[in-house]
Amino acid sequence: MHQPPQGYGQGPGYGPPPGQGGQPGYGQQPGYGPPAGPGYGPPPGYGPPGYGQPPKKKKTGLIVGLIVGVVVLLGLGIPGAIFGSEYYSSVGKAPVSQQPPAECTVSPELLNKTFTTSFQGARDNEIKAGEIVTKQQGCSWLPPESDNVHDRALQVMVYHHEGPDAEKRAAESSTGSAAPSERQQQVQGIGEKAVLVSLDTDSAFSGAELRVIQGVYVVLVTYKGWDKGFFTNSPIPPAESAEVAKSVGAELVKNLPR
């Protein structure tokens, strides 16, 4: 509470204004108002009669407020730090020292568009049944270690049929996803026959798969994953995953031995 100054209401400019028309103003009638003369009111440093020193403010509310504030900040800060740490963690890996074999070599320019520039190695296999031979060559790529968003993978499989009826076996092979027909789309201009399959789901997982037949070869390209967000992940745009699968497939078919 502010203390009234000494002599409050006693000097010029204080007190109620005079009335209109020469009549005494309200509060100026005899018997009302403060007695004339300086020094009216309590001595300096005291409040009006009947009040002692103003009570000291308690600090309980301030302390409680500080505690609540700290708890709120901790409650917000800890989850935020966890989410931040997860968001900025790498989704990629360092590349292996091995170079891709000729069967599944993809140009650096195209890999840059896929965000999967880190080669993760190759694997090969051979299946023989008498004169019937099927050779398999697979390769995979992931994002580089510096990427914390594009959690995607590019995988390539090249099947080479040899022996009797090699082309027929290639054409009739069931390599690839057993996706419903409504998720399959014929693609013109890539190999002898190409089918694009959507891998999109109701979740963030998405992608596309391309299966191409070219003579005795079957090429399978799979591009899948999602984009990492701070709170939720996002699917790869369908048009983007489809374009990646078709572009990689077209490049691989072009480089197949004739």
C-alpha atoms as a PDB file:
ATOM      1  CA  MET A   1       0.000   0.000   0.000  1.00  0.00           C
ATOM      2  CA  HIS A   2       1.386   3.477  -0.918  1.00  0.00           C
ATOM      3  CA  GLN A   3       1.884   5.843   2.044  1.00  0.00           C
ATOM      4  CA  PRO A   4       0.046   9.195   1.793  1.00  0.00           C
ATOM      5  CA  PRO A   5       2.472  12.133   1.775  1.00  0.00           C
ATOM      6  CA  GLN A   6       2.729  14.376   4.783  1.00  0.00           C
ATOM      7  CA  GLY A   7       0.000  17.010   4.859  1.00  0.00           C
ATOM      8  CA  TYR A   8      -2.121  15.177   2.253  1.00  0.00           C
ATOM      9  CA  GLY A   9      -4.913  17.492   1.056  1.00  0.00           C
ATOM     10  CA  GLN A  10      -3.566  20.627   2.732  1.00  0.00           C
ATOM     11  CA  GLY A  11      -1.777  22.541  -0.005  1.00  0.00           C
ATOM     12  CA  PRO A  12      -3.057  24.361  -3.069  1.00  0.00           C
ATOM     13  CA  GLY A  13      -4.406  22.056  -5.739  1.00  0.00           C
ATOM     14  CA  TYR A  14      -5.632  19.457  -3.239  1.00  0.00           C
ATOM     15  CA  GLY A  15      -9.054  18.827  -1.861  1.00  0.00           C
ATOM     16  CA  PRO A  16     -12.454  18.858  -3.607  1.00  0.00           C
ATOM     17  CA  PRO A  17     -13.133  21.596  -6.206  1.00  0.00           C
ATOM     18  CA  PRO A  18     -15.335  24.511  -5.294  1.00  0.00           C
ATOM     19  CA  GLY A  19     -19.019  24.475  -6.313  1.00  0.00           C
ATOM     20  CA  GLN A  20     -20.565  26.432  -9.162  1.00  0.00           C
ATOM     21  CA  GLY A  21     -22.397  29.793  -8.880  1.00  0.00           C
ATOM     22  CA  GLY A  22     -20.430  30.980  -5.865  1.00  0.00           C
ATOM     23  CA  GLN A  23     -21.904  28.258  -3.594  1.00  0.00           C
ATOM     24  CA  PRO A  24     -19.664  26.198  -1.470  1.00  0.00           C
ATOM     25  CA  GLY A  25     -18.582  23.003  -3.217  1.00  0.00           C
ATOM     26  CA  TYR A  26     -19.529  19.528  -2.096  1.00  0.00           C
ATOM     27  CA  GLY A  27     -17.597  18.699   1.011  1.00  0.00           C
ATOM     28  CA  GLN A  28     -16.974  22.384   1.889  1.00  0.00           C
ATOM     29  CA  GLN A  29     -20.009  22.975   4.109  1.00  0.00           C
ATOM     30  CA  PRO A  30     -19.254  23.910   7.703  1.00  0.00           C
ATOM     31  CA  GLY A  31     -18.414  20.940   9.755  1.00  0.00           C
ATOM     32  CA  TYR A  32     -17.071  18.908   6.881  1.00  0.00           C
ATOM     33  CA  GLY A  33     -13.664  18.516   5.413  1.00  0.00           C
ATOM     34  CA  PRO A  34     -10.257  18.447   7.084  1.00  0.00           C
ATOM     35  CA  PRO A  35      -9.353  21.075   9.651  1.00  0.00           C
ATOM     36  CA  ALA A  36      -7.356  23.976   8.312  1.00  0.00           C
ATOM     37  CA  GLY A  37      -3.720  24.318   8.898  1.00  0.00           C
ATOM     38  CA  PRO A  38      -0.635  22.400   7.940  1.00  0.00           C
ATOM     39  CA  GLY A  39       0.235  19.039   9.348  1.00  0.00           C
ATOM     40  CA  TYR A  40      -3.137  17.331   9.075  1.00  0.00           C
ATOM     41  CA  GLY A  41      -2.898  13.607   8.765  1.00  0.00           C
ATOM     42  CA  PRO A  42      -0.647  11.022  10.357  1.00  0.00           C
ATOM     43  CA  PRO A  43       3.024  11.628  10.850  1.00  0.00           C
ATOM     44  CA  PRO A  44       5.331  10.705   7.999  1.00  0.00           C
ATOM     45  CA  GLY A  45       5.781   6.983   7.546  1.00  0.00           C
ATOM     46  CA  TYR A  46       2.408   5.933   8.951  1.00  0.00           C
ATOM     47  CA  GLY A  47      -0.865   5.067   7.354  1.00  0.00           C
ATOM     48  CA  PRO A  48      -4.289   6.364   8.316  1.00  0.00           C
ATOM     49  CA  PRO A  49      -5.430   5.966  11.936  1.00  0.00           C
ATOM     50  CA  GLY A  50      -6.324   2.390  12.775  1.00  0.00           C
ATOM     51  CA  TYR A  51      -3.661   0.885  10.445  1.00  0.00           C
ATOM     52  CA  GLY A  52      -0.261  -0.176  11.519  1.00  0.00           C
ATOM     53  CA  GLN A  53       2.686  -0.979   9.333  1.00  0.00           C
ATOM     54  CA  PRO A  54       1.545  -2.737   6.110  1.00  0.00           C
ATOM     55  CA  PRO A  55       2.020  -6.528   6.401  1.00  0.00           C
ATOM     56  CA  LYS A  56       4.990  -8.008   4.656  1.00  0.00           C
ATOM     57  CA  LYS A  57       4.192  -9.909   1.470  1.00  0.00           C
ATOM     58  CA  LYS A  58       4.552 -13.635   1.802  1.00  0.00           C
ATOM     59  CA  LYS A  59       6.798 -15.388  -0.734  1.00  0.00           C
ATOM     60  CA  THR A  60       4.873 -18.667  -0.717  1.00  0.00           C
ATOM     61  CA  GLY A  61       3.068 -17.924  -3.985  1.00  0.00           C
ATOM     62  CA  LEU A  62       6.308 -16.934  -5.716  1.00  0.00           C
ATOM     63  CA  ILE A  63       8.052 -20.122  -4.598  1.00  0.00           C
ATOM     64  CA  VAL A  64       5.133 -22.286  -5.691  1.00  0.00           C
ATOM     65  CA  GLY A  65       5.033 -20.503  -9.046  1.00  0.00           C
ATOM     66  CA  LEU A  66       8.743 -21.082  -9.588  1.00  0.00           C
ATOM     67  CA  ILE A  67       8.402 -24.771  -8.756  1.00  0.00           C
ATOM     68  CA  VAL A  68       5.457 -25.158 -11.141  1.00  0.00           C
ATOM     69  CA  GLY A  69       7.372 -23.330 -13.860  1.00  0.00           C
ATOM     70  CA  VAL A  70      10.392 -25.602 -13.466  1.00  0.00           C
ATOM     71  CA  VAL A  71       8.183 -28.696 -13.600  1.00  0.00           C
ATOM     72  CA  VAL A  72       6.457 -27.445 -16.764  1.00  0.00           C
ATOM     73  CA  LEU A  73       9.773 -26.634 -18.423  1.00  0.00           C
ATOM     74  CA  LEU A  74      11.137 -30.042 -17.532  1.00  0.00           C
ATOM     75  CA  GLY A  75       7.966 -31.676 -18.793  1.00  0.00           C
ATOM     76  CA  LEU A  76       8.277 -29.857 -22.114  1.00  0.00           C
ATOM     77  CA  GLY A  77      12.041 -29.983 -22.379  1.00  0.00           C
ATOM     78  CA  ILE A  78      12.653 -33.687 -21.848  1.00  0.00           C
ATOM     79  CA  PRO A  79      10.221 -34.929 -24.545  1.00  0.00           C
ATOM     80  CA  GLY A  80      11.417 -32.164 -26.863  1.00  0.00           C
ATOM     81  CA  ALA A  81      15.013 -33.246 -26.390  1.00  0.00           C
ATOM     82  CA  ILE A  82      14.066 -36.868 -27.076  1.00  0.00           C
ATOM     83  CA  PHE A  83      12.137 -35.963 -30.240  1.00  0.00           C
ATOM     84  CA  GLY A  84      14.913 -33.646 -31.374  1.00  0.00           C
ATOM     85  CA  SER A  85      17.571 -36.301 -30.849  1.00  0.00           C
ATOM     86  CA  GLU A  86      15.541 -38.838 -32.802  1.00  0.00           C
ATOM     87  CA  TYR A  87      14.742 -36.408 -35.625  1.00  0.00           C
ATOM     88  CA  TYR A  88      18.371 -35.409 -36.191  1.00  0.00           C
ATOM     89  CA  SER A  89      19.716 -38.968 -36.003  1.00  0.00           C
ATOM     90  CA  SER A  90      20.988 -40.384 -39.280  1.00  0.00           C
ATOM     91  CA  VAL A  91      18.774 -42.633 -41.411  1.00  0.00           C
ATOM     92  CA  GLY A  92      21.657 -43.735 -43.634  1.00  0.00           C
ATOM     93  CA  LYS A  93      24.843 -45.742 -43.533  1.00  0.00           C
ATOM     94  CA  ALA A  94      28.372 -45.414 -44.801  1.00  0.00           C
ATOM     95  CA  PRO A  95      28.970 -47.088 -48.175  1.00  0.00           C
ATOM     96  CA  VAL A  96      30.877 -50.332 -48.444  1.00  0.00           C
ATOM     97  CA  SER A  97      34.188 -50.397 -50.262  1.00  0.00           C
ATOM     98  CA  GLN A  98      32.845 -52.827 -52.872  1.00  0.00           C
ATOM     99  CA  GLN A  99      31.770 -51.436 -56.221  1.00  0.00           C
ATOM    100  CA  PRO A 100      28.460 -52.468 -57.842  1.00  0.00           C
ATOM    101  CA  PRO A 101      28.776 -55.232 -60.459  1.00  0.00           C
ATOM    102  CA  ALA A 102      27.944 -54.398 -64.059  1.00  0.00           C
ATOM    103  CA  GLU A 103      24.518 -56.087 -63.910  1.00  0.00           C
ATOM    104  CA  CYS A 104      23.139 -53.604 -61.389  1.00  0.00           C
ATOM    105  CA  THR A 105      25.144 -50.439 -61.900  1.00  0.00           C
ATOM    106  CA  VAL A 106      23.084 -47.232 -61.535  1.00  0.00           C
ATOM    107  CA  SER A 107      24.475 -43.865 -62.577  1.00  0.00           C
ATOM    108  CA  PRO A 108      25.431 -41.384 -59.800  1.00  0.00           C
ATOM    109  CA  GLU A 109      23.111 -38.759 -61.314  1.00  0.00           C
ATOM    110  CA  LEU A 110      20.112 -41.069 -60.945  1.00  0.00           C
ATOM    111  CA  LEU A 111      21.122 -42.191 -57.450  1.00  0.00           C
ATOM    112  CA  ASN A 112      21.215 -38.546 -56.350  1.00  0.00           C
ATOM    113  CA  LYS A 113      17.560 -38.224 -57.312  1.00  0.00           C
ATOM    114  CA  THR A 114      16.672 -41.251 -55.196  1.00  0.00           C
ATOM    115  CA  PHE A 115      18.469 -39.953 -52.049  1.00  0.00           C
ATOM    116  CA  THR A 116      20.105 -43.402 -51.844  1.00  0.00           C
ATOM    117  CA  THR A 117      23.716 -42.820 -52.823  1.00  0.00           C
ATOM    118  CA  SER A 118      25.378 -45.139 -50.291  1.00  0.00           C
ATOM    119  CA  PHE A 119      26.043 -48.545 -51.872  1.00  0.00           C
ATOM    120  CA  GLN A 120      25.470 -51.372 -49.382  1.00  0.00           C
ATOM    121  CA  GLY A 121      26.883 -54.279 -51.327  1.00  0.00           C
ATOM    122  CA  ALA A 122      25.976 -56.989 -53.805  1.00  0.00           C
ATOM    123  CA  ARG A 123      25.005 -60.633 -53.507  1.00  0.00           C
ATOM    124  CA  ASP A 124      24.768 -63.317 -56.142  1.00  0.00           C
ATOM    125  CA  ASN A 125      23.318 -66.790 -56.353  1.00  0.00           C
ATOM    126  CA  GLU A 126      22.948 -69.549 -58.906  1.00  0.00           C
ATOM    127  CA  ILE A 127      20.210 -72.158 -59.095  1.00  0.00           C
ATOM    128  CA  LYS A 128      20.856 -75.220 -61.269  1.00  0.00           C
ATOM    129  CA  ALA A 129      18.649 -78.129 -62.193  1.00  0.00           C
ATOM    130  CA  GLY A 130      20.441 -80.059 -64.894  1.00  0.00           C
ATOM    131  CA  GLU A 131      20.716 -77.753 -67.873  1.00  0.00           C
ATOM    132  CA  ILE A 132      18.272 -75.242 -66.431  1.00  0.00           C
ATOM    133  CA  VAL A 133      20.194 -72.415 -64.784  1.00  0.00           C
ATOM    134  CA  THR A 134      19.020 -69.199 -63.126  1.00  0.00           C
ATOM    135  CA  LYS A 135      21.646 -66.702 -62.014  1.00  0.00           C
ATOM    136  CA  GLN A 136      20.708 -63.942 -59.559  1.00  0.00           C
ATOM    137  CA  GLN A 137      22.540 -60.686 -58.937  1.00  0.00           C
ATOM    138  CA  GLY A 138      21.296 -58.280 -56.271  1.00  0.00           C
ATOM    139  CA  CYS A 139      22.399 -54.801 -55.123  1.00  0.00           C
ATOM    140  CA  SER A 140      21.123 -52.288 -52.575  1.00  0.00           C
ATOM    141  CA  TRP A 141      21.560 -48.633 -51.696  1.00  0.00           C
ATOM    142  CA  LEU A 142      20.655 -46.530 -48.659  1.00  0.00           C
ATOM    143  CA  PRO A 143      20.862 -42.794 -47.873  1.00  0.00           C
ATOM    144  CA  PRO A 144      24.262 -41.403 -46.842  1.00  0.00           C
ATOM    145  CA  GLU A 145      25.090 -40.896 -43.168  1.00  0.00           C
ATOM    146  CA  SER A 146      24.487 -37.163 -43.524  1.00  0.00           C
ATOM    147  CA  ASP A 147      20.772 -37.661 -44.293  1.00  0.00           C
ATOM    148  CA  ASN A 148      18.347 -37.606 -41.356  1.00  0.00           C
ATOM    149  CA  VAL A 149      15.084 -37.347 -43.349  1.00  0.00           C
ATOM    150  CA  HIS A 150      14.872 -39.659 -46.394  1.00  0.00           C
ATOM    151  CA  ASP A 151      14.592 -43.086 -44.782  1.00  0.00           C
ATOM    152  CA  ARG A 152      14.463 -44.930 -48.098  1.00  0.00           C
ATOM    153  CA  ALA A 153      16.015 -47.956 -49.758  1.00  0.00           C
ATOM    154  CA  LEU A 154      16.716 -48.893 -53.367  1.00  0.00           C
ATOM    155  CA  GLN A 155      17.045 -52.587 -54.196  1.00  0.00           C
ATOM    156  CA  VAL A 156      17.782 -54.228 -57.541  1.00  0.00           C
ATOM    157  CA  MET A 157      17.624 -57.889 -58.554  1.00  0.00           C
ATOM    158  CA  VAL A 158      18.646 -59.152 -61.998  1.00  0.00           C
ATOM    159  CA  TYR A 159      17.681 -62.713 -62.939  1.00  0.00           C
ATOM    160  CA  HIS A 160      19.488 -64.343 -65.866  1.00  0.00           C
ATOM    161  CA  HIS A 161      17.879 -67.542 -67.240  1.00  0.00           C
ATOM    162  CA  GLU A 162      20.072 -69.984 -69.133  1.00  0.00           C
ATOM    163  CA  GLY A 163      19.501 -73.351 -70.766  1.00  0.00           C
ATOM    164  CA  PRO A 164      16.479 -74.741 -72.613  1.00  0.00           C
ATOM    165  CA  ASP A 165      13.496 -72.407 -72.991  1.00  0.00           C
ATOM    166  CA  ALA A 166      15.322 -69.624 -71.139  1.00  0.00           C
ATOM    167  CA  GLU A 167      13.188 -66.819 -72.624  1.00  0.00           C
ATOM    168  CA  LYS A 168       9.964 -68.693 -71.928  1.00  0.00           C
ATOM    169  CA  ARG A 169      10.983 -69.279 -68.340  1.00  0.00           C
ATOM    170  CA  ALA A 170      11.861 -65.609 -67.970  1.00  0.00           C
ATOM    171  CA  ALA A 171       8.474 -64.542 -69.355  1.00  0.00           C
ATOM    172  CA  GLU A 172       6.607 -66.930 -67.068  1.00  0.00           C
ATOM    173  CA  SER A 173       8.598 -66.248 -63.910  1.00  0.00           C
ATOM    174  CA  SER A 174       6.666 -64.979 -60.878  1.00  0.00           C
ATOM    175  CA  THR A 175       9.387 -62.709 -59.592  1.00  0.00           C
ATOM    176  CA  GLY A 176       8.132 -59.682 -57.654  1.00  0.00           C
ATOM    177  CA  SER A 177       5.294 -58.788 -55.329  1.00  0.00           C
ATOM    178  CA  ALA A 178       2.069 -60.744 -55.464  1.00  0.00           C
ATOM    179  CA  ALA A 179       0.118 -57.482 -55.479  1.00  0.00           C
ATOM    180  CA  PRO A 180      -3.596 -57.245 -56.371  1.00  0.00           C
ATOM    181  CA  SER A 181      -4.247 -56.513 -60.034  1.00  0.00           C
ATOM    182  CA  GLU A 182      -5.694 -53.066 -59.238  1.00  0.00           C
ATOM    183  CA  ARG A 183      -2.296 -52.038 -57.903  1.00  0.00           C
ATOM    184  CA  GLN A 184      -0.484 -53.119 -61.066  1.00  0.00           C
ATOM    185  CA  GLN A 185       0.072 -50.903 -64.081  1.00  0.00           C
ATOM    186  CA  GLN A 186       1.528 -51.777 -67.467  1.00  0.00           C
ATOM    187  CA  VAL A 187       4.441 -49.534 -68.454  1.00  0.00           C
ATOM    188  CA  GLN A 188       5.342 -48.919 -72.072  1.00  0.00           C
ATOM    189  CA  GLY A 189       8.827 -48.270 -73.404  1.00  0.00           C
ATOM    190  CA  ILE A 190      10.855 -50.283 -70.888  1.00  0.00           C
ATOM    191  CA  GLY A 191      11.997 -53.720 -72.063  1.00  0.00           C
ATOM    192  CA  GLU A 192       9.634 -56.144 -73.729  1.00  0.00           C
ATOM    193  CA  LYS A 193       7.179 -56.024 -70.850  1.00  0.00           C
ATOM    194  CA  ALA A 194       7.137 -53.928 -67.696  1.00  0.00           C
ATOM    195  CA  VAL A 195       4.706 -53.860 -64.797  1.00  0.00           C
ATOM    196  CA  LEU A 196       4.697 -51.174 -62.100  1.00  0.00           C
ATOM    197  CA  VAL A 197       3.302 -52.126 -58.685  1.00  0.00           C
ATOM    198  CA  SER A 198       2.339 -49.639 -55.979  1.00  0.00           C
ATOM    199  CA  LEU A 199       3.635 -50.486 -52.489  1.00  0.00           C
ATOM    200  CA  ASP A 200       1.747 -47.668 -50.761  1.00  0.00           C
ATOM    201  CA  THR A 201      -0.044 -48.506 -47.515  1.00  0.00           C
ATOM    202  CA  ASP A 202      -2.279 -46.731 -45.012  1.00  0.00           C
ATOM    203  CA  SER A 203       0.812 -45.923 -42.955  1.00  0.00           C
ATOM    204  CA  ALA A 204       3.874 -43.846 -43.837  1.00  0.00           C
ATOM    205  CA  PHE A 205       5.472 -46.831 -45.564  1.00  0.00           C
ATOM    206  CA  SER A 206       5.267 -46.392 -49.327  1.00  0.00           C
ATOM    207  CA  GLY A 207       7.084 -47.042 -52.567  1.00  0.00           C
ATOM    208  CA  ALA A 208       6.947 -48.744 -55.924  1.00  0.00           C
ATOM    209  CA  GLU A 209       8.235 -51.876 -57.602  1.00  0.00           C
ATOM    210  CA  LEU A 210       8.998 -52.361 -61.291  1.00  0.00           C
ATOM    211  CA  ARG A 211       9.289 -55.781 -62.944  1.00  0.00           C
ATOM    212  CA  VAL A 212      10.799 -55.820 -66.435  1.00  0.00           C
ATOM    213  CA  ILE A 213      11.244 -58.733 -68.853  1.00  0.00           C
ATOM    214  CA  GLN A 214      13.904 -58.415 -71.517  1.00  0.00           C
ATOM    215  CA  GLY A 215      14.783 -61.627 -73.389  1.00  0.00           C
ATOM    216  CA  VAL A 216      16.328 -64.074 -70.912  1.00  0.00           C
ATOM    217  CA  TYR A 217      16.528 -61.417 -68.207  1.00  0.00           C
ATOM    218  CA  VAL A 218      14.101 -60.302 -65.538  1.00  0.00           C
ATOM    219  CA  VAL A 219      14.904 -57.040 -63.736  1.00  0.00           C
ATOM    220  CA  LEU A 220      13.224 -56.190 -60.442  1.00  0.00           C
ATOM    221  CA  VAL A 221      13.551 -52.673 -58.989  1.00  0.00           C
ATOM    222  CA  THR A 222      12.151 -51.886 -55.534  1.00  0.00           C
ATOM    223  CA  TYR A 223      12.101 -48.376 -54.066  1.00  0.00           C
ATOM    224  CA  LYS A 224      10.498 -48.058 -50.639  1.00  0.00           C
ATOM    225  CA  GLY A 225      10.543 -46.271 -47.292  1.00  0.00           C
ATOM    226  CA  TRP A 226       9.285 -42.945 -45.916  1.00  0.00           C
ATOM    227  CA  ASP A 227      10.391 -39.447 -44.996  1.00  0.00           C
ATOM    228  CA  LYS A 228      11.061 -38.865 -41.317  1.00  0.00           C
ATOM    229  CA  GLY A 229       9.323 -35.970 -39.574  1.00  0.00           C
ATOM    230  CA  PHE A 230       9.788 -34.407 -36.137  1.00  0.00           C
ATOM    231  CA  PHE A 231       6.589 -35.973 -34.776  1.00  0.00           C
ATOM    232  CA  THR A 232       5.296 -38.215 -37.589  1.00  0.00           C
ATOM    233  CA  ASN A 233       6.691 -39.804 -40.736  1.00  0.00           C
ATOM    234  CA  SER A 234       5.422 -39.024 -44.229  1.00  0.00           C
ATOM    235  CA  PRO A 235       5.055 -41.380 -47.205  1.00  0.00           C
ATOM    236  CA  ILE A 236       7.089 -40.937 -50.338  1.00  0.00           C
ATOM    237  CA  PRO A 237       4.908 -39.143 -52.893  1.00  0.00           C
ATOM    238  CA  PRO A 238       3.519 -41.891 -55.185  1.00  0.00           C
ATOM    239  CA  ALA A 239       4.564 -40.092 -58.361  1.00  0.00           C
ATOM    240  CA  GLU A 240       8.129 -39.784 -57.058  1.00  0.00           C
ATOM    241  CA  SER A 241       8.522 -43.465 -56.123  1.00  0.00           C
ATOM    242  CA  ALA A 242       6.999 -44.555 -59.451  1.00  0.00           C
ATOM    243  CA  GLU A 243       9.366 -42.305 -61.409  1.00  0.00           C
ATOM    244  CA  VAL A 244      12.397 -43.625 -59.511  1.00  0.00           C
ATOM    245  CA  ALA A 245      11.450 -47.266 -60.155  1.00  0.00           C
ATOM    246  CA  LYS A 246      10.865 -46.661 -63.871  1.00  0.00           C
ATOM    247  CA  SER A 247      14.041 -44.594 -64.346  1.00  0.00           C
ATOM    248  CA  VAL A 248      16.267 -47.155 -62.619  1.00  0.00           C
ATOM    249  CA  GLY A 249      14.606 -50.024 -64.480  1.00  0.00           C
ATOM    250  CA  ALA A 250      15.053 -48.339 -67.848  1.00  0.00           C
ATOM    251  CA  GLU A 251      18.739 -47.688 -67.158  1.00  0.00           C
ATOM    252  CA  LEU A 252      19.416 -51.269 -66.040  1.00  0.00           C
ATOM    253  CA  VAL A 253      17.628 -52.793 -69.059  1.00  0.00           C
ATOM    254  CA  LYS A 254      19.592 -50.535 -71.391  1.00  0.00           C
ATOM    255  CA  ASN A 255      22.869 -51.863 -69.974  1.00  0.00           C
ATOM    256  CA  LEU A 256      21.969 -55.571 -70.184  1.00  0.00           C
ATOM    257  CA  PRO A 257      24.160 -57.745 -72.443  1.00  0.00           C
ATOM    258  CA  ARG A 258      22.609 -58.343 -75.858  1.00  0.00           C
END
